[in-house]
Amino acid sequence: MKTTARIRRPVTEEAEVVVPVNVSRGGFSFESRLPYRLHEIIYVALHYHEGGAVLERLARIVRVSRSGDKSEYGVAFPAGR
């Protein structure tokens, strides 16, 4: 099942909608042309639909794999939330 996720930076409010590559209980991965830093804190709204209710979770970039003009990022949700 395909889903979308909105990634939002808490300080700048910059946001993008991505299609997760892999989703697990503890996090997910996604591809983007936007640069994110390792250990960067972000807000994530999984199952995002424009105009729908938005439930965001705090998350952290834990892996960065660059390839050409885009990168794949691994995201982890804090334990116990």
PDB file of N, CA and C in Angstrom:
ATOM      1  N   MET A   1       0.834  -1.174   0.000  1.00  0.00           N
ATOM      2  CA  MET A   1       0.000   0.000   0.000  1.00  0.00           C
ATOM      3  C   MET A   1       0.882   1.243   0.000  1.00  0.00           C
ATOM      4  N   LYS A   2       0.685   2.121  -0.955  1.00  0.00           N
ATOM      5  CA  LYS A   2       1.438   3.359  -1.029  1.00  0.00           C
ATOM      6  C   LYS A   2       0.815   4.387  -0.101  1.00  0.00           C
ATOM      7  N   THR A   3       1.665   5.173   0.535  1.00  0.00           N
ATOM      8  CA  THR A   3       1.216   6.258   1.393  1.00  0.00           C
ATOM      9  C   THR A   3       2.119   7.449   1.154  1.00  0.00           C
ATOM     10  N   THR A   4       1.790   8.558   1.741  1.00  0.00           N
ATOM     11  CA  THR A   4       2.638   9.737   1.638  1.00  0.00           C
ATOM     12  C   THR A   4       2.977  10.212   3.047  1.00  0.00           C
ATOM     13  N   ALA A   5       4.030  10.994   3.130  1.00  0.00           N
ATOM     14  CA  ALA A   5       4.445  11.576   4.400  1.00  0.00           C
ATOM     15  C   ALA A   5       4.852  13.017   4.151  1.00  0.00           C
ATOM     16  N   ARG A   6       4.487  13.879   5.071  1.00  0.00           N
ATOM     17  CA  ARG A   6       4.962  15.261   4.996  1.00  0.00           C
ATOM     18  C   ARG A   6       6.107  15.415   5.985  1.00  0.00           C
ATOM     19  N   ILE A   7       7.221  15.914   5.482  1.00  0.00           N
ATOM     20  CA  ILE A   7       8.403  16.185   6.299  1.00  0.00           C
ATOM     21  C   ILE A   7       8.443  17.693   6.516  1.00  0.00           C
ATOM     22  N   ARG A   8       8.564  18.118   7.779  1.00  0.00           N
ATOM     23  CA  ARG A   8       8.591  19.558   8.070  1.00  0.00           C
ATOM     24  C   ARG A   8       9.731  19.875   9.018  1.00  0.00           C
ATOM     25  N   ARG A   9      10.460  20.914   8.680  1.00  0.00           N
ATOM     26  CA  ARG A   9      11.526  21.401   9.567  1.00  0.00           C
ATOM     27  C   ARG A   9      10.899  22.317  10.609  1.00  0.00           C
ATOM     28  N   PRO A  10      11.192  22.105  11.896  1.00  0.00           N
ATOM     29  CA  PRO A  10      10.530  22.885  12.938  1.00  0.00           C
ATOM     30  C   PRO A  10      10.921  24.363  12.965  1.00  0.00           C
ATOM     31  N   VAL A  11      12.114  24.707  12.578  1.00  0.00           N
ATOM     32  CA  VAL A  11      12.562  26.099  12.683  1.00  0.00           C
ATOM     33  C   VAL A  11      12.114  26.922  11.483  1.00  0.00           C
ATOM     34  N   THR A  12      12.358  26.427  10.278  1.00  0.00           N
ATOM     35  CA  THR A  12      12.060  27.200   9.072  1.00  0.00           C
ATOM     36  C   THR A  12      10.651  26.981   8.549  1.00  0.00           C
ATOM     37  N   GLU A  13       9.966  25.939   9.045  1.00  0.00           N
ATOM     38  CA  GLU A  13       8.638  25.557   8.561  1.00  0.00           C
ATOM     39  C   GLU A  13       8.655  25.051   7.120  1.00  0.00           C
ATOM     40  N   GLU A  14       9.856  24.873   6.533  1.00  0.00           N
ATOM     41  CA  GLU A  14       9.971  24.299   5.185  1.00  0.00           C
ATOM     42  C   GLU A  14       9.419  22.881   5.235  1.00  0.00           C
ATOM     43  N   ALA A  15       8.597  22.515   4.232  1.00  0.00           N
ATOM     44  CA  ALA A  15       7.989  21.191   4.231  1.00  0.00           C
ATOM     45  C   ALA A  15       7.950  20.625   2.820  1.00  0.00           C
ATOM     46  N   GLU A  16       7.934  19.298   2.745  1.00  0.00           N
ATOM     47  CA  GLU A  16       7.764  18.613   1.469  1.00  0.00           C
ATOM     48  C   GLU A  16       6.970  17.337   1.709  1.00  0.00           C
ATOM     49  N   VAL A  17       6.290  16.884   0.672  1.00  0.00           N
ATOM     50  CA  VAL A  17       5.545  15.635   0.728  1.00  0.00           C
ATOM     51  C   VAL A  17       6.338  14.590  -0.049  1.00  0.00           C
ATOM     52  N   VAL A  18       6.560  13.437   0.581  1.00  0.00           N
ATOM     53  CA  VAL A  18       7.371  12.372  -0.019  1.00  0.00           C
ATOM     54  C   VAL A  18       6.591  11.056   0.020  1.00  0.00           C
ATOM     55  N   VAL A  19       7.045  10.095  -0.764  1.00  0.00           N
ATOM     56  CA  VAL A  19       6.515   8.737  -0.727  1.00  0.00           C
ATOM     57  C   VAL A  19       7.560   7.879  -0.016  1.00  0.00           C
ATOM     58  N   PRO A  20       7.238   7.329   1.155  1.00  0.00           N
ATOM     59  CA  PRO A  20       8.210   6.500   1.872  1.00  0.00           C
ATOM     60  C   PRO A  20       8.650   5.295   1.035  1.00  0.00           C
ATOM     61  N   VAL A  21       9.946   4.970   1.122  1.00  0.00           N
ATOM     62  CA  VAL A  21      10.497   3.805   0.445  1.00  0.00           C
ATOM     63  C   VAL A  21      10.238   2.560   1.282  1.00  0.00           C
ATOM     64  N   ASN A  22      10.383   2.703   2.586  1.00  0.00           N
ATOM     65  CA  ASN A  22      10.240   1.580   3.511  1.00  0.00           C
ATOM     66  C   ASN A  22       9.679   2.129   4.817  1.00  0.00           C
ATOM     67  N   VAL A  23       8.693   1.446   5.403  1.00  0.00           N
ATOM     68  CA  VAL A  23       8.089   1.885   6.661  1.00  0.00           C
ATOM     69  C   VAL A  23       8.145   0.743   7.660  1.00  0.00           C
ATOM     70  N   SER A  24       8.547   1.058   8.888  1.00  0.00           N
ATOM     71  CA  SER A  24       8.545   0.066   9.966  1.00  0.00           C
ATOM     72  C   SER A  24       7.971   0.724  11.214  1.00  0.00           C
ATOM     73  N   ARG A  25       7.860  -0.025  12.268  1.00  0.00           N
ATOM     74  CA  ARG A  25       7.313   0.514  13.508  1.00  0.00           C
ATOM     75  C   ARG A  25       8.179   1.638  14.064  1.00  0.00           C
ATOM     76  N   GLY A  26       9.496   1.515  13.897  1.00  0.00           N
ATOM     77  CA  GLY A  26      10.412   2.488  14.491  1.00  0.00           C
ATOM     78  C   GLY A  26      10.808   3.639  13.593  1.00  0.00           C
ATOM     79  N   GLY A  27      10.386   3.621  12.324  1.00  0.00           N
ATOM     80  CA  GLY A  27      10.761   4.715  11.435  1.00  0.00           C
ATOM     81  C   GLY A  27      10.458   4.384   9.990  1.00  0.00           C
ATOM     82  N   PHE A  28      11.117   5.082   9.082  1.00  0.00           N
ATOM     83  CA  PHE A  28      10.915   4.860   7.656  1.00  0.00           C
ATOM     84  C   PHE A  28      12.059   5.495   6.884  1.00  0.00           C
ATOM     85  N   SER A  29      12.095   5.250   5.594  1.00  0.00           N
ATOM     86  CA  SER A  29      13.084   5.901   4.738  1.00  0.00           C
ATOM     87  C   SER A  29      12.360   6.569   3.582  1.00  0.00           C
ATOM     88  N   PHE A  30      12.997   7.601   3.032  1.00  0.00           N
ATOM     89  CA  PHE A  30      12.423   8.326   1.907  1.00  0.00           C
ATOM     90  C   PHE A  30      13.535   8.922   1.063  1.00  0.00           C
ATOM     91  N   GLU A  31      13.216   9.242  -0.184  1.00  0.00           N
ATOM     92  CA  GLU A  31      14.154   9.901  -1.085  1.00  0.00           C
ATOM     93  C   GLU A  31      13.751  11.349  -1.264  1.00  0.00           C
ATOM     94  N   SER A  32      14.760  12.211  -1.414  1.00  0.00           N
ATOM     95  CA  SER A  32      14.486  13.633  -1.601  1.00  0.00           C
ATOM     96  C   SER A  32      15.654  14.303  -2.296  1.00  0.00           C
ATOM     97  N   ARG A  33      15.352  15.363  -3.006  1.00  0.00           N
ATOM     98  CA  ARG A  33      16.391  16.215  -3.578  1.00  0.00           C
ATOM     99  C   ARG A  33      16.791  17.318  -2.598  1.00  0.00           C
ATOM    100  N   LEU A  34      15.978  17.537  -1.559  1.00  0.00           N
ATOM    101  CA  LEU A  34      16.303  18.525  -0.533  1.00  0.00           C
ATOM    102  C   LEU A  34      17.363  17.955   0.402  1.00  0.00           C
ATOM    103  N   PRO A  35      18.291  18.789   0.845  1.00  0.00           N
ATOM    104  CA  PRO A  35      19.325  18.292   1.761  1.00  0.00           C
ATOM    105  C   PRO A  35      18.846  18.285   3.217  1.00  0.00           C
ATOM    106  N   TYR A  36      19.022  17.156   3.874  1.00  0.00           N
ATOM    107  CA  TYR A  36      18.782  17.029   5.309  1.00  0.00           C
ATOM    108  C   TYR A  36      20.094  16.602   5.943  1.00  0.00           C
ATOM    109  N   ARG A  37      20.336  17.038   7.174  1.00  0.00           N
ATOM    110  CA  ARG A  37      21.579  16.703   7.881  1.00  0.00           C
ATOM    111  C   ARG A  37      21.376  15.468   8.756  1.00  0.00           C
ATOM    112  N   LEU A  38      22.421  14.695   8.884  1.00  0.00           N
ATOM    113  CA  LEU A  38      22.416  13.569   9.811  1.00  0.00           C
ATOM    114  C   LEU A  38      22.114  14.105  11.209  1.00  0.00           C
ATOM    115  N   HIS A  39      21.230  13.477  11.929  1.00  0.00           N
ATOM    116  CA  HIS A  39      20.784  13.828  13.282  1.00  0.00           C
ATOM    117  C   HIS A  39      19.851  15.038  13.319  1.00  0.00           C
ATOM    118  N   GLU A  40      19.441  15.539  12.153  1.00  0.00           N
ATOM    119  CA  GLU A  40      18.505  16.668  12.125  1.00  0.00           C
ATOM    120  C   GLU A  40      17.152  16.236  12.684  1.00  0.00           C
ATOM    121  N   ILE A  41      16.542  17.095  13.498  1.00  0.00           N
ATOM    122  CA  ILE A  41      15.213  16.861  14.050  1.00  0.00           C
ATOM    123  C   ILE A  41      14.186  17.375  13.042  1.00  0.00           C
ATOM    124  N   ILE A  42      13.164  16.560  12.768  1.00  0.00           N
ATOM    125  CA  ILE A  42      12.104  16.930  11.837  1.00  0.00           C
ATOM    126  C   ILE A  42      10.760  16.528  12.433  1.00  0.00           C
ATOM    127  N   TYR A  43       9.699  17.040  11.856  1.00  0.00           N
ATOM    128  CA  TYR A  43       8.349  16.581  12.167  1.00  0.00           C
ATOM    129  C   TYR A  43       7.849  15.786  10.972  1.00  0.00           C
ATOM    130  N   VAL A  44       7.169  14.677  11.248  1.00  0.00           N
ATOM    131  CA  VAL A  44       6.678  13.783  10.191  1.00  0.00           C
ATOM    132  C   VAL A  44       5.180  13.558  10.381  1.00  0.00           C
ATOM    133  N   ALA A  45       4.433  13.694   9.296  1.00  0.00           N
ATOM    134  CA  ALA A  45       3.013  13.341   9.281  1.00  0.00           C
ATOM    135  C   ALA A  45       2.851  12.202   8.282  1.00  0.00           C
ATOM    136  N   LEU A  46       2.760  10.958   8.782  1.00  0.00           N
ATOM    137  CA  LEU A  46       2.554   9.810   7.901  1.00  0.00           C
ATOM    138  C   LEU A  46       1.093   9.766   7.447  1.00  0.00           C
ATOM    139  N   HIS A  47       0.846   9.133   6.321  1.00  0.00           N
ATOM    140  CA  HIS A  47      -0.496   9.030   5.733  1.00  0.00           C
ATOM    141  C   HIS A  47      -1.077  10.426   5.482  1.00  0.00           C
ATOM    142  N   TYR A  48      -0.211  11.326   5.024  1.00  0.00           N
ATOM    143  CA  TYR A  48      -0.581  12.727   4.811  1.00  0.00           C
ATOM    144  C   TYR A  48      -1.443  12.892   3.566  1.00  0.00           C
ATOM    145  N   HIS A  49      -2.500  13.682   3.698  1.00  0.00           N
ATOM    146  CA  HIS A  49      -3.369  14.056   2.575  1.00  0.00           C
ATOM    147  C   HIS A  49      -3.633  15.549   2.678  1.00  0.00           C
ATOM    148  N   GLU A  50      -3.366  16.276   1.623  1.00  0.00           N
ATOM    149  CA  GLU A  50      -3.596  17.724   1.590  1.00  0.00           C
ATOM    150  C   GLU A  50      -5.025  18.030   2.024  1.00  0.00           C
ATOM    151  N   GLY A  51      -5.163  18.930   2.996  1.00  0.00           N
ATOM    152  CA  GLY A  51      -6.482  19.325   3.474  1.00  0.00           C
ATOM    153  C   GLY A  51      -7.044  18.438   4.568  1.00  0.00           C
ATOM    154  N   GLY A  52      -6.391  17.300   4.842  1.00  0.00           N
ATOM    155  CA  GLY A  52      -6.858  16.400   5.889  1.00  0.00           C
ATOM    156  C   GLY A  52      -6.272  16.765   7.244  1.00  0.00           C
ATOM    157  N   ALA A  53      -6.713  16.073   8.270  1.00  0.00           N
ATOM    158  CA  ALA A  53      -6.160  16.266   9.612  1.00  0.00           C
ATOM    159  C   ALA A  53      -4.693  15.848   9.614  1.00  0.00           C
ATOM    160  N   VAL A  54      -3.869  16.621  10.296  1.00  0.00           N
ATOM    161  CA  VAL A  54      -2.430  16.354  10.321  1.00  0.00           C
ATOM    162  C   VAL A  54      -2.014  15.951  11.730  1.00  0.00           C
ATOM    163  N   LEU A  55      -1.478  14.740  11.852  1.00  0.00           N
ATOM    164  CA  LEU A  55      -0.943  14.254  13.119  1.00  0.00           C
ATOM    165  C   LEU A  55       0.558  14.101  12.931  1.00  0.00           C
ATOM    166  N   GLU A  56       1.315  15.004  13.537  1.00  0.00           N
ATOM    167  CA  GLU A  56       2.774  14.992  13.373  1.00  0.00           C
ATOM    168  C   GLU A  56       3.452  14.294  14.533  1.00  0.00           C
ATOM    169  N   ARG A  57       4.585  13.655  14.214  1.00  0.00           N
ATOM    170  CA  ARG A  57       5.453  13.039  15.227  1.00  0.00           C
ATOM    171  C   ARG A  57       6.848  13.606  15.073  1.00  0.00           C
ATOM    172  N   LEU A  58       7.506  13.795  16.169  1.00  0.00           N
ATOM    173  CA  LEU A  58       8.897  14.212  16.169  1.00  0.00           C
ATOM    174  C   LEU A  58       9.744  13.039  15.713  1.00  0.00           C
ATOM    175  N   ALA A  59      10.760  13.299  14.915  1.00  0.00           N
ATOM    176  CA  ALA A  59      11.638  12.243  14.412  1.00  0.00           C
ATOM    177  C   ALA A  59      13.031  12.810  14.184  1.00  0.00           C
ATOM    178  N   ARG A  60      13.968  11.914  13.864  1.00  0.00           N
ATOM    179  CA  ARG A  60      15.365  12.315  13.639  1.00  0.00           C
ATOM    180  C   ARG A  60      15.893  11.598  12.405  1.00  0.00           C
ATOM    181  N   ILE A  61      16.672  12.328  11.599  1.00  0.00           N
ATOM    182  CA  ILE A  61      17.364  11.722  10.463  1.00  0.00           C
ATOM    183  C   ILE A  61      18.532  10.908  11.022  1.00  0.00           C
ATOM    184  N   VAL A  62      18.543   9.592  10.739  1.00  0.00           N
ATOM    185  CA  VAL A  62      19.582   8.723  11.304  1.00  0.00           C
ATOM    186  C   VAL A  62      20.484   8.104  10.235  1.00  0.00           C
ATOM    187  N   ARG A  63      20.124   8.288   8.967  1.00  0.00           N
ATOM    188  CA  ARG A  63      20.960   7.749   7.883  1.00  0.00           C
ATOM    189  C   ARG A  63      20.807   8.636   6.661  1.00  0.00           C
ATOM    190  N   VAL A  64      21.935   8.898   6.000  1.00  0.00           N
ATOM    191  CA  VAL A  64      21.941   9.678   4.765  1.00  0.00           C
ATOM    192  C   VAL A  64      22.773   8.924   3.734  1.00  0.00           C
ATOM    193  N   SER A  65      22.165   8.597   2.587  1.00  0.00           N
ATOM    194  CA  SER A  65      22.864   7.919   1.490  1.00  0.00           C
ATOM    195  C   SER A  65      22.667   8.756   0.233  1.00  0.00           C
ATOM    196  N   ARG A  66      23.732   9.419  -0.210  1.00  0.00           N
ATOM    197  CA  ARG A  66      23.633  10.286  -1.385  1.00  0.00           C
ATOM    198  C   ARG A  66      23.865   9.485  -2.658  1.00  0.00           C
ATOM    199  N   SER A  67      23.075   9.821  -3.695  1.00  0.00           N
ATOM    200  CA  SER A  67      23.197   9.154  -4.989  1.00  0.00           C
ATOM    201  C   SER A  67      22.749  10.125  -6.077  1.00  0.00           C
ATOM    202  N   GLY A  68      23.700  10.663  -6.808  1.00  0.00           N
ATOM    203  CA  GLY A  68      23.371  11.595  -7.880  1.00  0.00           C
ATOM    204  C   GLY A  68      22.744  12.866  -7.355  1.00  0.00           C
ATOM    205  N   ASP A  69      21.583  13.237  -7.923  1.00  0.00           N
ATOM    206  CA  ASP A  69      20.938  14.492  -7.538  1.00  0.00           C
ATOM    207  C   ASP A  69      19.939  14.342  -6.393  1.00  0.00           C
ATOM    208  N   LYS A  70      19.838  13.143  -5.795  1.00  0.00           N
ATOM    209  CA  LYS A  70      18.949  12.963  -4.657  1.00  0.00           C
ATOM    210  C   LYS A  70      19.615  12.084  -3.612  1.00  0.00           C
ATOM    211  N   SER A  71      18.997  12.016  -2.460  1.00  0.00           N
ATOM    212  CA  SER A  71      19.515  11.218  -1.352  1.00  0.00           C
ATOM    213  C   SER A  71      18.394  10.394  -0.756  1.00  0.00           C
ATOM    214  N   GLU A  72      18.778   9.284  -0.126  1.00  0.00           N
ATOM    215  CA  GLU A  72      17.821   8.501   0.650  1.00  0.00           C
ATOM    216  C   GLU A  72      18.129   8.737   2.121  1.00  0.00           C
ATOM    217  N   TYR A  73      17.081   8.994   2.882  1.00  0.00           N
ATOM    218  CA  TYR A  73      17.223   9.307   4.293  1.00  0.00           C
ATOM    219  C   TYR A  73      16.502   8.265   5.146  1.00  0.00           C
ATOM    220  N   GLY A  74      17.141   7.854   6.234  1.00  0.00           N
ATOM    221  CA  GLY A  74      16.521   6.991   7.218  1.00  0.00           C
ATOM    222  C   GLY A  74      16.045   7.850   8.370  1.00  0.00           C
ATOM    223  N   VAL A  75      14.824   7.616   8.814  1.00  0.00           N
ATOM    224  CA  VAL A  75      14.212   8.402   9.875  1.00  0.00           C
ATOM    225  C   VAL A  75      13.825   7.473  11.014  1.00  0.00           C
ATOM    226  N   ALA A  76      14.126   7.883  12.247  1.00  0.00           N
ATOM    227  CA  ALA A  76      13.742   7.096  13.421  1.00  0.00           C
ATOM    228  C   ALA A  76      12.833   7.924  14.311  1.00  0.00           C
ATOM    229  N   PHE A  77      11.801   7.258  14.862  1.00  0.00           N
ATOM    230  CA  PHE A  77      10.929   7.889  15.833  1.00  0.00           C
ATOM    231  C   PHE A  77      11.494   7.599  17.214  1.00  0.00           C
ATOM    232  N   PRO A  78      11.358   8.540  18.160  1.00  0.00           N
ATOM    233  CA  PRO A  78      11.852   8.284  19.512  1.00  0.00           C
ATOM    234  C   PRO A  78      11.159   7.074  20.130  1.00  0.00           C
ATOM    235  N   ALA A  79      11.895   6.311  20.906  1.00  0.00           N
ATOM    236  CA  ALA A  79      11.328   5.134  21.575  1.00  0.00           C
ATOM    237  C   ALA A  79      10.335   5.574  22.645  1.00  0.00           C
ATOM    238  N   GLY A  80       9.292   4.768  22.813  1.00  0.00           N
ATOM    239  CA  GLY A  80       8.332   5.032  23.875  1.00  0.00           C
ATOM    240  C   GLY A  80       7.288   6.078  23.548  1.00  0.00           C
ATOM    241  N   ARG A  81       7.125   6.394  22.280  1.00  0.00           N
ATOM    242  CA  ARG A  81       6.109   7.406  21.923  1.00  0.00           C
ATOM    243  C   ARG A  81       5.061   6.794  21.070  1.00  0.00           C
TER     244      ARG A  81
END
